[in-house]
Amino acid sequence: MILNVYQGTDLVGTGEGKVHVDLPAKEYPAGTFAGELVDGTGAKSDCFNFPAVTVAAGFDPNGDVKPTDSNTVAEITAWLDAHTIDHTGKSVKADLLALVPVD
């Protein structure tokens, strides 16, 4: 089965299983997105509306917001790299966070 995801009449995502759609961070009310299933023969289901969706802002390693324990190791190391802070030999989250300057 293929899932097609529409925002209005625009196809914004398609794929088998989980479908990733890049969206700006904001709240989208119920009905903003609709979907349809397509089987192996190309037959489409009736369209259905998705419930409300909230998209949180992603972490910007180049930004001023410092990483915290809620960030991934990859996000923390990206922030350290972007701010030219050496983290050679460090791979544990707590050790990486210890390198983030305190204001």
N, C-alpha and C. Protein backbone atom coordinates (compact mmCIF):
# COMPACT_ATOMS: atom_id res chain seq x y z
N MET A 1 0.83 -1.19 0.00
CA MET A 1 0.00 0.00 0.00
C MET A 1 0.88 1.25 0.00
N ILE A 2 0.46 2.21 -0.74
CA ILE A 2 1.11 3.52 -0.79
C ILE A 2 0.17 4.52 -0.10
N LEU A 3 0.75 5.40 0.69
CA LEU A 3 -0.01 6.48 1.31
C LEU A 3 0.36 7.78 0.61
N ASN A 4 -0.64 8.47 0.08
CA ASN A 4 -0.45 9.80 -0.48
C ASN A 4 -0.99 10.81 0.53
N VAL A 5 -0.22 11.86 0.81
CA VAL A 5 -0.62 12.90 1.74
C VAL A 5 -0.74 14.20 0.97
N TYR A 6 -1.89 14.87 1.12
CA TYR A 6 -2.17 16.12 0.43
C TYR A 6 -2.37 17.25 1.42
N GLN A 7 -1.90 18.43 1.05
CA GLN A 7 -2.24 19.67 1.76
C GLN A 7 -3.01 20.48 0.73
N GLY A 8 -4.33 20.55 0.92
CA GLY A 8 -5.19 21.11 -0.12
C GLY A 8 -5.15 20.17 -1.31
N THR A 9 -4.82 20.68 -2.47
CA THR A 9 -4.72 19.83 -3.67
C THR A 9 -3.29 19.42 -3.99
N ASP A 10 -2.32 19.90 -3.18
CA ASP A 10 -0.91 19.60 -3.43
C ASP A 10 -0.50 18.31 -2.76
N LEU A 11 0.12 17.40 -3.52
CA LEU A 11 0.69 16.19 -2.96
C LEU A 11 1.97 16.58 -2.24
N VAL A 12 2.02 16.38 -0.91
CA VAL A 12 3.18 16.80 -0.12
C VAL A 12 4.00 15.63 0.39
N GLY A 13 3.50 14.42 0.22
CA GLY A 13 4.25 13.25 0.64
C GLY A 13 3.63 11.99 0.10
N THR A 14 4.47 11.01 -0.18
CA THR A 14 3.97 9.72 -0.64
C THR A 14 4.99 8.65 -0.28
N GLY A 15 4.51 7.46 -0.04
CA GLY A 15 5.42 6.37 0.27
C GLY A 15 4.71 5.21 0.93
N GLU A 16 5.48 4.15 1.13
CA GLU A 16 4.97 2.97 1.83
C GLU A 16 5.26 3.14 3.31
N GLY A 17 4.31 2.78 4.15
CA GLY A 17 4.50 2.89 5.59
C GLY A 17 4.51 4.34 6.03
N LYS A 18 5.50 4.72 6.83
CA LYS A 18 5.59 6.09 7.32
C LYS A 18 5.98 7.02 6.18
N VAL A 19 5.34 8.17 6.14
CA VAL A 19 5.62 9.17 5.11
C VAL A 19 6.14 10.43 5.78
N HIS A 20 7.32 10.89 5.36
CA HIS A 20 7.91 12.10 5.92
C HIS A 20 7.51 13.29 5.08
N VAL A 21 7.01 14.34 5.74
CA VAL A 21 6.63 15.58 5.08
C VAL A 21 7.34 16.72 5.79
N ASP A 22 8.14 17.50 5.06
CA ASP A 22 8.82 18.66 5.64
C ASP A 22 7.81 19.80 5.76
N LEU A 23 7.62 20.28 6.98
CA LEU A 23 6.65 21.34 7.23
C LEU A 23 7.26 22.42 8.12
N PRO A 24 6.87 23.67 7.91
CA PRO A 24 7.29 24.72 8.84
C PRO A 24 6.69 24.45 10.23
N ALA A 25 7.42 24.85 11.26
CA ALA A 25 6.96 24.65 12.63
C ALA A 25 5.75 25.52 12.90
N LYS A 26 4.62 24.90 13.21
CA LYS A 26 3.39 25.59 13.62
C LYS A 26 2.32 24.55 13.87
N GLU A 27 1.14 25.01 14.28
CA GLU A 27 0.01 24.10 14.49
C GLU A 27 -0.86 24.10 13.24
N TYR A 28 -1.21 22.91 12.81
CA TYR A 28 -2.08 22.75 11.65
C TYR A 28 -3.39 22.15 12.13
N PRO A 29 -4.52 22.81 11.88
CA PRO A 29 -5.81 22.29 12.37
C PRO A 29 -6.20 21.00 11.65
N ALA A 30 -7.11 20.27 12.29
CA ALA A 30 -7.64 19.04 11.68
C ALA A 30 -8.17 19.38 10.29
N GLY A 31 -7.92 18.49 9.34
CA GLY A 31 -8.41 18.69 7.99
C GLY A 31 -7.44 19.43 7.08
N THR A 32 -6.33 19.93 7.64
CA THR A 32 -5.33 20.60 6.80
C THR A 32 -4.72 19.61 5.83
N PHE A 33 -4.57 18.38 6.30
CA PHE A 33 -3.98 17.33 5.47
C PHE A 33 -4.99 16.22 5.25
N ALA A 34 -4.96 15.69 4.05
CA ALA A 34 -5.82 14.56 3.71
C ALA A 34 -4.94 13.45 3.16
N GLY A 35 -5.44 12.24 3.21
CA GLY A 35 -4.68 11.12 2.71
C GLY A 35 -5.55 10.18 1.90
N GLU A 36 -4.87 9.35 1.14
CA GLU A 36 -5.54 8.28 0.42
C GLU A 36 -4.56 7.12 0.34
N LEU A 37 -5.11 5.93 0.32
CA LEU A 37 -4.30 4.72 0.16
C LEU A 37 -4.42 4.24 -1.27
N VAL A 38 -3.31 3.76 -1.82
CA VAL A 38 -3.29 3.24 -3.18
C VAL A 38 -2.76 1.82 -3.11
N ASP A 39 -3.56 0.87 -3.62
CA ASP A 39 -3.11 -0.53 -3.57
C ASP A 39 -2.23 -0.86 -4.77
N GLY A 40 -1.77 -2.09 -4.84
CA GLY A 40 -0.86 -2.53 -5.89
C GLY A 40 -1.41 -2.43 -7.30
N THR A 41 -2.74 -2.36 -7.43
CA THR A 41 -3.34 -2.24 -8.75
C THR A 41 -3.56 -0.78 -9.15
N GLY A 42 -3.28 0.15 -8.23
CA GLY A 42 -3.49 1.56 -8.50
C GLY A 42 -4.84 2.08 -8.02
N ALA A 43 -5.66 1.17 -7.44
CA ALA A 43 -6.96 1.59 -6.93
C ALA A 43 -6.77 2.45 -5.68
N LYS A 44 -7.48 3.58 -5.64
CA LYS A 44 -7.35 4.52 -4.53
C LYS A 44 -8.54 4.41 -3.58
N SER A 45 -8.25 4.56 -2.29
CA SER A 45 -9.32 4.61 -1.29
C SER A 45 -9.99 5.96 -1.33
N ASP A 46 -11.10 6.10 -0.60
CA ASP A 46 -11.69 7.42 -0.41
C ASP A 46 -10.69 8.26 0.39
N CYS A 47 -10.68 9.56 0.14
CA CYS A 47 -9.80 10.46 0.91
C CYS A 47 -10.28 10.53 2.36
N PHE A 48 -9.34 10.69 3.25
CA PHE A 48 -9.66 10.85 4.67
C PHE A 48 -8.83 12.00 5.21
N ASN A 49 -9.36 12.71 6.21
CA ASN A 49 -8.66 13.84 6.83
C ASN A 49 -7.82 13.36 8.00
N PHE A 50 -6.67 13.97 8.15
CA PHE A 50 -5.82 13.71 9.30
C PHE A 50 -6.26 14.62 10.44
N PRO A 51 -6.02 14.19 11.69
CA PRO A 51 -6.33 15.07 12.83
C PRO A 51 -5.37 16.25 12.87
N ALA A 52 -5.55 17.13 13.82
CA ALA A 52 -4.66 18.28 13.99
C ALA A 52 -3.21 17.79 14.15
N VAL A 53 -2.28 18.58 13.63
CA VAL A 53 -0.86 18.24 13.68
C VAL A 53 -0.10 19.44 14.23
N THR A 54 0.79 19.19 15.19
CA THR A 54 1.67 20.23 15.69
C THR A 54 3.09 19.86 15.31
N VAL A 55 3.76 20.76 14.62
CA VAL A 55 5.14 20.54 14.22
C VAL A 55 6.02 21.44 15.07
N ALA A 56 6.88 20.82 15.86
CA ALA A 56 7.78 21.58 16.72
C ALA A 56 8.97 22.07 15.89
N ALA A 57 9.51 23.20 16.29
CA ALA A 57 10.70 23.72 15.61
C ALA A 57 11.87 22.78 15.85
N GLY A 58 12.62 22.54 14.82
CA GLY A 58 13.80 21.68 14.94
C GLY A 58 14.96 22.42 15.59
N PHE A 59 15.93 21.68 16.02
CA PHE A 59 17.10 22.26 16.67
C PHE A 59 18.06 22.76 15.59
N ASP A 60 18.47 24.02 15.70
CA ASP A 60 19.40 24.62 14.74
C ASP A 60 20.78 24.70 15.38
N PRO A 61 21.71 23.85 14.96
CA PRO A 61 23.04 23.87 15.59
C PRO A 61 23.80 25.17 15.36
N ASN A 62 23.40 25.94 14.36
CA ASN A 62 24.06 27.22 14.09
C ASN A 62 23.45 28.37 14.89
N GLY A 63 22.35 28.09 15.57
CA GLY A 63 21.63 29.13 16.30
C GLY A 63 22.23 29.43 17.66
N ASP A 64 21.56 30.34 18.35
CA ASP A 64 22.01 30.78 19.67
C ASP A 64 21.50 29.89 20.80
N VAL A 65 20.49 29.07 20.52
CA VAL A 65 19.94 28.20 21.56
C VAL A 65 20.92 27.06 21.82
N LYS A 66 21.33 26.95 23.07
CA LYS A 66 22.32 25.92 23.44
C LYS A 66 21.64 24.56 23.61
N PRO A 67 22.36 23.50 23.30
CA PRO A 67 21.79 22.16 23.48
C PRO A 67 21.64 21.83 24.96
N THR A 68 20.69 20.94 25.22
CA THR A 68 20.43 20.47 26.58
C THR A 68 20.38 18.95 26.56
N ASP A 69 20.06 18.36 27.69
CA ASP A 69 19.98 16.90 27.79
C ASP A 69 18.88 16.33 26.89
N SER A 70 17.94 17.15 26.47
CA SER A 70 16.88 16.65 25.59
C SER A 70 17.34 16.51 24.13
N ASN A 71 18.51 17.06 23.80
CA ASN A 71 19.04 16.93 22.46
C ASN A 71 19.77 15.61 22.30
N THR A 72 19.91 15.18 21.06
CA THR A 72 20.66 13.96 20.77
C THR A 72 22.15 14.26 20.77
N VAL A 73 22.94 13.21 20.85
CA VAL A 73 24.40 13.38 20.77
C VAL A 73 24.77 14.03 19.44
N ALA A 74 24.12 13.62 18.36
CA ALA A 74 24.41 14.20 17.04
C ALA A 74 24.10 15.70 17.02
N GLU A 75 23.00 16.12 17.63
CA GLU A 75 22.66 17.54 17.69
C GLU A 75 23.67 18.32 18.52
N ILE A 76 24.10 17.73 19.63
CA ILE A 76 25.06 18.40 20.50
C ILE A 76 26.40 18.56 19.79
N THR A 77 26.87 17.50 19.16
CA THR A 77 28.16 17.59 18.45
C THR A 77 28.06 18.56 17.28
N ALA A 78 26.92 18.61 16.60
CA ALA A 78 26.74 19.57 15.51
C ALA A 78 26.81 20.99 16.05
N TRP A 79 26.21 21.24 17.22
CA TRP A 79 26.26 22.57 17.83
C TRP A 79 27.70 22.92 18.21
N LEU A 80 28.40 21.97 18.82
CA LEU A 80 29.80 22.22 19.20
C LEU A 80 30.64 22.52 17.96
N ASP A 81 30.45 21.76 16.90
CA ASP A 81 31.18 22.00 15.65
C ASP A 81 30.88 23.39 15.10
N ALA A 82 29.60 23.74 15.08
CA ALA A 82 29.18 25.04 14.53
C ALA A 82 29.75 26.21 15.34
N HIS A 83 30.03 25.94 16.61
CA HIS A 83 30.54 27.00 17.49
C HIS A 83 32.04 26.80 17.77
N THR A 84 32.69 26.02 16.90
CA THR A 84 34.14 25.74 16.95
C THR A 84 34.64 25.38 18.35
N ILE A 85 33.92 24.44 18.97
CA ILE A 85 34.32 23.92 20.28
C ILE A 85 34.79 22.48 20.07
N ASP A 86 36.05 22.23 20.41
CA ASP A 86 36.65 20.91 20.20
C ASP A 86 36.03 19.89 21.15
N HIS A 87 35.61 18.77 20.58
CA HIS A 87 35.03 17.69 21.40
C HIS A 87 35.72 16.36 21.10
N THR A 88 36.96 16.45 20.64
CA THR A 88 37.73 15.25 20.32
C THR A 88 37.77 14.30 21.51
N GLY A 89 37.48 13.04 21.25
CA GLY A 89 37.53 12.02 22.29
C GLY A 89 36.29 11.95 23.16
N LYS A 90 35.33 12.80 22.93
CA LYS A 90 34.11 12.81 23.75
C LYS A 90 32.96 12.25 22.91
N SER A 91 32.23 11.30 23.48
CA SER A 91 31.08 10.73 22.77
C SER A 91 29.88 10.51 23.69
N VAL A 92 30.06 10.74 24.97
CA VAL A 92 28.98 10.58 25.94
C VAL A 92 28.26 11.92 26.08
N LYS A 93 26.94 11.88 26.08
CA LYS A 93 26.14 13.10 26.11
C LYS A 93 26.56 14.04 27.24
N ALA A 94 26.71 13.52 28.45
CA ALA A 94 27.05 14.36 29.59
C ALA A 94 28.40 15.05 29.39
N ASP A 95 29.36 14.32 28.81
CA ASP A 95 30.68 14.90 28.57
C ASP A 95 30.61 16.00 27.51
N LEU A 96 29.79 15.79 26.48
CA LEU A 96 29.62 16.80 25.43
C LEU A 96 28.93 18.04 25.97
N LEU A 97 27.89 17.84 26.77
CA LEU A 97 27.18 18.97 27.35
C LEU A 97 28.05 19.78 28.30
N ALA A 98 29.01 19.13 28.93
CA ALA A 98 29.92 19.84 29.82
C ALA A 98 30.79 20.83 29.07
N LEU A 99 30.92 20.66 27.76
CA LEU A 99 31.72 21.57 26.93
C LEU A 99 30.94 22.81 26.51
N VAL A 100 29.62 22.78 26.67
CA VAL A 100 28.77 23.93 26.29
C VAL A 100 28.96 25.02 27.33
N PRO A 101 29.39 26.21 26.89
CA PRO A 101 29.64 27.28 27.86
C PRO A 101 28.38 27.68 28.62
N VAL A 102 28.56 27.99 29.88
CA VAL A 102 27.48 28.49 30.72
C VAL A 102 27.53 30.01 30.67
N ASP A 103 26.36 30.62 30.49
CA ASP A 103 26.33 32.10 30.43
C ASP A 103 26.60 32.70 31.78
